[in-house]
């Protein structure tokens, strides 16, 4: 049925549907263009390294918290552990995905400390 043979209400409905369809097509095109313009701010490898470094720090914090609450610690040792927990927490908060050198250092040095502490705890 062509436009001339439709009743006025049908013509208005058809025009409304057509305008709606065009609006949706425009929104879809706009969203797709925006999505294509957004590039990641870091690579997957950088994100993984960053998360691993944060996990290393978190693991050390957990080890120190457990040591802090063991019955074998005196006040001086507890103060040392509290200071180290605070330092590690601040380091984790300030770490950014683009801190490549710090991330590498944390993964290397803290990873080694975690392994040493785990081996010592297993004895």
Protein backbone atom coordinates (compact mmCIF):
# COMPACT_ATOMS: atom_id res chain seq x y z
CA UNK A 1 0.00 0.00 0.00
CA UNK A 2 1.50 3.35 -0.97
CA UNK A 3 1.39 6.55 1.11
CA UNK A 4 -1.44 8.06 -0.95
CA UNK A 5 -3.83 5.17 -0.19
CA UNK A 6 -3.25 5.22 3.60
CA UNK A 7 -5.60 6.92 6.02
CA UNK A 8 -4.23 10.07 7.68
CA UNK A 9 -3.70 8.24 11.00
CA UNK A 10 -1.78 5.46 9.27
CA UNK A 11 0.35 8.03 7.44
CA UNK A 12 1.21 9.74 10.73
CA UNK A 13 2.00 6.40 12.38
CA UNK A 14 4.22 5.39 9.47
CA UNK A 15 6.03 8.76 9.57
CA UNK A 16 6.49 8.40 13.32
CA UNK A 17 7.91 4.88 12.96
CA UNK A 18 10.22 6.06 10.20
CA UNK A 19 11.48 9.01 12.31
CA UNK A 20 12.01 6.70 15.29
CA UNK A 21 13.95 4.23 13.14
CA UNK A 22 16.14 7.03 11.77
CA UNK A 23 16.79 8.33 15.28
CA UNK A 24 17.83 4.85 16.46
CA UNK A 25 20.10 4.46 13.43
CA UNK A 26 21.70 7.82 14.22
CA UNK A 27 22.26 6.89 17.87
CA UNK A 28 23.72 3.54 16.90
CA UNK A 29 26.11 5.18 14.43
CA UNK A 30 27.12 7.75 17.05
CA UNK A 31 27.77 5.09 19.69
CA UNK A 32 29.79 2.97 17.28
CA UNK A 33 31.91 5.97 16.27
CA UNK A 34 32.50 6.86 19.93
CA UNK A 35 33.41 3.26 20.78
CA UNK A 36 35.88 3.12 17.91
CA UNK A 37 37.54 6.37 19.01
CA UNK A 38 38.16 5.17 22.56
CA UNK A 39 41.47 3.43 22.77
CA UNK A 40 42.65 1.74 25.96
CA UNK A 41 44.79 3.92 28.17
CA UNK A 42 47.08 0.97 28.90
CA UNK A 43 47.82 -2.42 27.45
CA UNK A 44 46.58 -5.71 28.80
CA UNK A 45 50.14 -6.60 29.85
CA UNK A 46 50.45 -3.32 31.77
CA UNK A 47 47.13 -3.96 33.50
CA UNK A 48 48.15 -7.50 34.48
CA UNK A 49 51.54 -6.34 35.81
CA UNK A 50 49.83 -3.56 37.79
CA UNK A 51 47.34 -5.97 39.35
CA UNK A 52 50.12 -8.45 40.17
CA UNK A 53 52.09 -5.70 41.92
CA UNK A 54 49.01 -4.70 43.93
CA UNK A 55 48.49 -8.35 44.86
CA UNK A 56 52.12 -8.62 46.05
CA UNK A 57 51.64 -5.59 48.27
CA UNK A 58 48.36 -6.97 49.58
CA UNK A 59 49.97 -10.31 50.32
CA UNK A 60 52.76 -8.64 52.32
CA UNK A 61 50.20 -6.57 54.22
CA UNK A 62 48.33 -9.77 55.09
CA UNK A 63 51.52 -11.45 56.28
CA UNK A 64 52.39 -8.45 58.48
CA UNK A 65 48.86 -8.21 59.89
CA UNK A 66 48.97 -11.91 60.80
CA UNK A 67 52.38 -11.43 62.43
CA UNK A 68 51.09 -8.33 64.24
CA UNK A 69 48.33 -10.34 65.84
CA UNK A 70 50.40 -13.34 66.83
CA UNK A 71 51.00 -13.73 70.53
CA UNK A 72 54.78 -13.77 70.10
CA UNK A 73 55.22 -10.06 69.30
CA UNK A 74 56.43 -7.44 71.78
CA UNK A 75 55.41 -3.77 71.63
CA UNK A 76 58.46 -2.67 69.66
CA UNK A 77 57.93 -5.35 67.02
CA UNK A 78 54.22 -4.48 66.81
CA UNK A 79 55.15 -0.83 66.19
CA UNK A 80 57.54 -1.90 63.40
CA UNK A 81 54.86 -4.06 61.81
CA UNK A 82 52.29 -1.25 62.06
CA UNK A 83 54.70 1.16 60.37
CA UNK A 84 55.40 -1.34 57.58
CA UNK A 85 51.67 -2.02 57.10
CA UNK A 86 51.06 1.74 56.82
CA UNK A 87 53.94 2.17 54.36
CA UNK A 88 52.75 -0.72 52.18
CA UNK A 89 49.19 0.55 52.22
CA UNK A 90 50.33 4.01 51.12
CA UNK A 91 52.49 2.48 48.39
CA UNK A 92 49.56 0.46 47.08
CA UNK A 93 47.29 3.53 47.08
CA UNK A 94 49.81 5.63 45.18
CA UNK A 95 50.74 2.99 42.60
CA UNK A 96 49.57 3.78 39.06
CA UNK A 97 49.40 1.49 36.06
CA UNK A 98 52.07 3.56 34.25
CA UNK A 99 54.61 3.28 37.10
CA UNK A 100 56.45 0.63 35.12
CA UNK A 101 59.71 0.71 37.10
CA UNK A 102 57.98 0.60 40.48
CA UNK A 103 55.72 -2.22 39.31
CA UNK A 104 58.72 -4.25 38.15
CA UNK A 105 60.55 -3.58 41.45
CA UNK A 106 57.53 -4.54 43.53
CA UNK A 107 56.94 -7.75 41.62
CA UNK A 108 60.63 -8.71 41.84
CA UNK A 109 61.49 -7.65 45.39
CA UNK A 110 58.18 -8.21 47.14
CA UNK A 111 57.63 -11.48 45.31
CA UNK A 112 60.98 -12.67 46.65
CA UNK A 113 60.09 -11.51 50.19
CA UNK A 114 56.76 -13.33 50.01
CA UNK A 115 58.47 -16.56 48.92
CA UNK A 116 61.04 -16.22 51.73
CA UNK A 117 58.38 -15.58 54.36
CA UNK A 118 56.27 -18.48 53.08
CA UNK A 119 59.27 -20.81 53.20
CA UNK A 120 60.08 -19.66 56.73
CA UNK A 121 56.47 -20.20 57.84
CA UNK A 122 56.50 -23.72 56.35
CA UNK A 123 59.52 -24.73 58.50
